[in-house]
C-alpha atoms as a PDB file:
ATOM      1  CA  MET A   1     -10.162 -14.235  16.084  1.00  0.00           C
ATOM      2  CA  LYS A   2      -6.536 -14.591  15.233  1.00  0.00           C
ATOM      3  CA  GLY A   3      -4.864 -13.838  11.989  1.00  0.00           C
ATOM      4  CA  LEU A   4      -1.693 -12.461  10.490  1.00  0.00           C
ATOM      5  CA  VAL A   5      -1.000  -9.370   8.169  1.00  0.00           C
ATOM      6  CA  ARG A   6      -1.205 -10.354   4.470  1.00  0.00           C
ATOM      7  CA  LEU A   7      -0.601  -6.718   3.808  1.00  0.00           C
ATOM      8  CA  TYR A   8       0.111  -3.379   5.148  1.00  0.00           C
ATOM      9  CA  TYR A   9       0.761  -0.255   2.947  1.00  0.00           C
ATOM     10  CA  PRO A  10       1.773   2.127   5.600  1.00  0.00           C
ATOM     11  CA  GLU A  11       2.180   5.443   3.219  1.00  0.00           C
ATOM     12  CA  ARG A  12      -1.624   4.695   3.198  1.00  0.00           C
ATOM     13  CA  GLY A  13      -2.748   3.537   6.099  1.00  0.00           C
ATOM     14  CA  PHE A  14      -4.771   0.032   5.771  1.00  0.00           C
ATOM     15  CA  GLY A  15      -3.694  -3.712   4.281  1.00  0.00           C
ATOM     16  CA  PHE A  16      -5.402  -7.269   5.183  1.00  0.00           C
ATOM     17  CA  LEU A  17      -5.111  -9.943   7.817  1.00  0.00           C
ATOM     18  CA  GLN A  18      -5.224 -13.271   6.779  1.00  0.00           C
ATOM     19  CA  THR A  19      -7.026 -15.771   8.745  1.00  0.00           C
ATOM     20  CA  ASP A  20      -6.709 -19.303   9.471  1.00  0.00           C
ATOM     21  CA  GLU A  21      -9.856 -19.378   7.190  1.00  0.00           C
ATOM     22  CA  SER A  22      -8.056 -17.847   4.279  1.00  0.00           C
ATOM     23  CA  LYS A  23     -10.168 -14.778   4.395  1.00  0.00           C
ATOM     24  CA  ASP A  24      -8.737 -11.248   3.900  1.00  0.00           C
ATOM     25  CA  ILE A  25      -9.790  -8.955   6.248  1.00  0.00           C
ATOM     26  CA  PHE A  26      -9.697  -5.480   5.858  1.00  0.00           C
ATOM     27  CA  PHE A  27      -7.984  -3.338   8.621  1.00  0.00           C
ATOM     28  CA  HIS A  28      -7.097   0.184   9.260  1.00  0.00           C
ATOM     29  CA  ILE A  29      -4.124   1.545  11.747  1.00  0.00           C
ATOM     30  CA  SER A  30      -6.440   3.350  13.537  1.00  0.00           C
ATOM     31  CA  ASP A  31      -8.177  -0.078  14.514  1.00  0.00           C
ATOM     32  CA  VAL A  32      -4.986  -1.172  15.910  1.00  0.00           C
ATOM     33  CA  THR A  33      -5.268  -0.626  19.931  1.00  0.00           C
ATOM     34  CA  ASN A  34      -1.453  -1.273  21.123  1.00  0.00           C
ATOM     35  CA  GLY A  35       1.319   0.545  18.509  1.00  0.00           C
ATOM     36  CA  THR A  36       1.816   0.797  15.269  1.00  0.00           C
ATOM     37  CA  GLU A  37       4.862  -1.039  14.040  1.00  0.00           C
ATOM     38  CA  ILE A  38       3.102  -3.459  12.057  1.00  0.00           C
ATOM     39  CA  GLU A  39       4.375  -5.029   9.312  1.00  0.00           C
ATOM     40  CA  LYS A  40       3.983  -8.417   6.929  1.00  0.00           C
ATOM     41  CA  GLY A  41       3.242 -11.689   9.345  1.00  0.00           C
ATOM     42  CA  THR A  42       2.445  -9.784  12.351  1.00  0.00           C
ATOM     43  CA  SER A  43       0.461 -11.664  14.442  1.00  0.00           C
ATOM     44  CA  VAL A  44      -2.670 -10.095  15.835  1.00  0.00           C
ATOM     45  CA  GLU A  45      -6.056 -10.690  17.660  1.00  0.00           C
ATOM     46  CA  PHE A  46      -9.302  -8.641  16.464  1.00  0.00           C
ATOM     47  CA  THR A  47     -12.895  -8.517  16.256  1.00  0.00           C
ATOM     48  CA  LEU A  48     -14.420  -8.958  13.718  1.00  0.00           C
ATOM     49  CA  VAL A  49     -17.190  -6.859  11.752  1.00  0.00           C
ATOM     50  CA  GLU A  50     -19.343  -6.944   8.318  1.00  0.00           C
ATOM     51  CA  THR A  51     -20.061  -3.075   7.135  1.00  0.00           C
ATOM     52  CA  LYS A  52     -21.129  -2.211   3.810  1.00  0.00           C
ATOM     53  CA  LYS A  53     -17.931  -2.811   1.661  1.00  0.00           C
ATOM     54  CA  GLY A  54     -17.336  -6.540   3.638  1.00  0.00           C
ATOM     55  CA  LEU A  55     -15.596  -7.931   6.337  1.00  0.00           C
ATOM     56  CA  SER A  56     -13.388  -5.851   8.804  1.00  0.00           C
ATOM     57  CA  ALA A  57     -11.448  -6.099  11.462  1.00  0.00           C
ATOM     58  CA  GLU A  58     -11.518  -3.809  14.711  1.00  0.00           C
ATOM     59  CA  TYR A  59      -9.400  -3.580  17.957  1.00  0.00           C
ATOM     60  CA  VAL A  60      -6.230  -5.153  16.096  1.00  0.00           C
ATOM     61  CA  VAL A  61      -4.133  -6.120  18.998  1.00  0.00           C
ATOM     62  CA  ILE A  62      -0.276  -7.184  18.084  1.00  0.00           C
ATOM     63  CA  PHE A  63       1.243 -10.081  19.794  1.00  0.00           C
ATOM     64  CA  ASN A  64       5.147 -10.049  19.355  1.00  0.00           C
END
């Protein structure tokens, strides 16, 4: 699935991605597979999973 970083809190290590369907998806920096330089508006591809807390992204890949 593709999306953009909508919010990212570097001091806390997490943020939210926005998809074409306008869903907000939680991600943690430890799930980013190719770096730690991420900011609002960054294009990413990820695997969507359902957790007990809601939708979450795994295997997040940054596209430059």
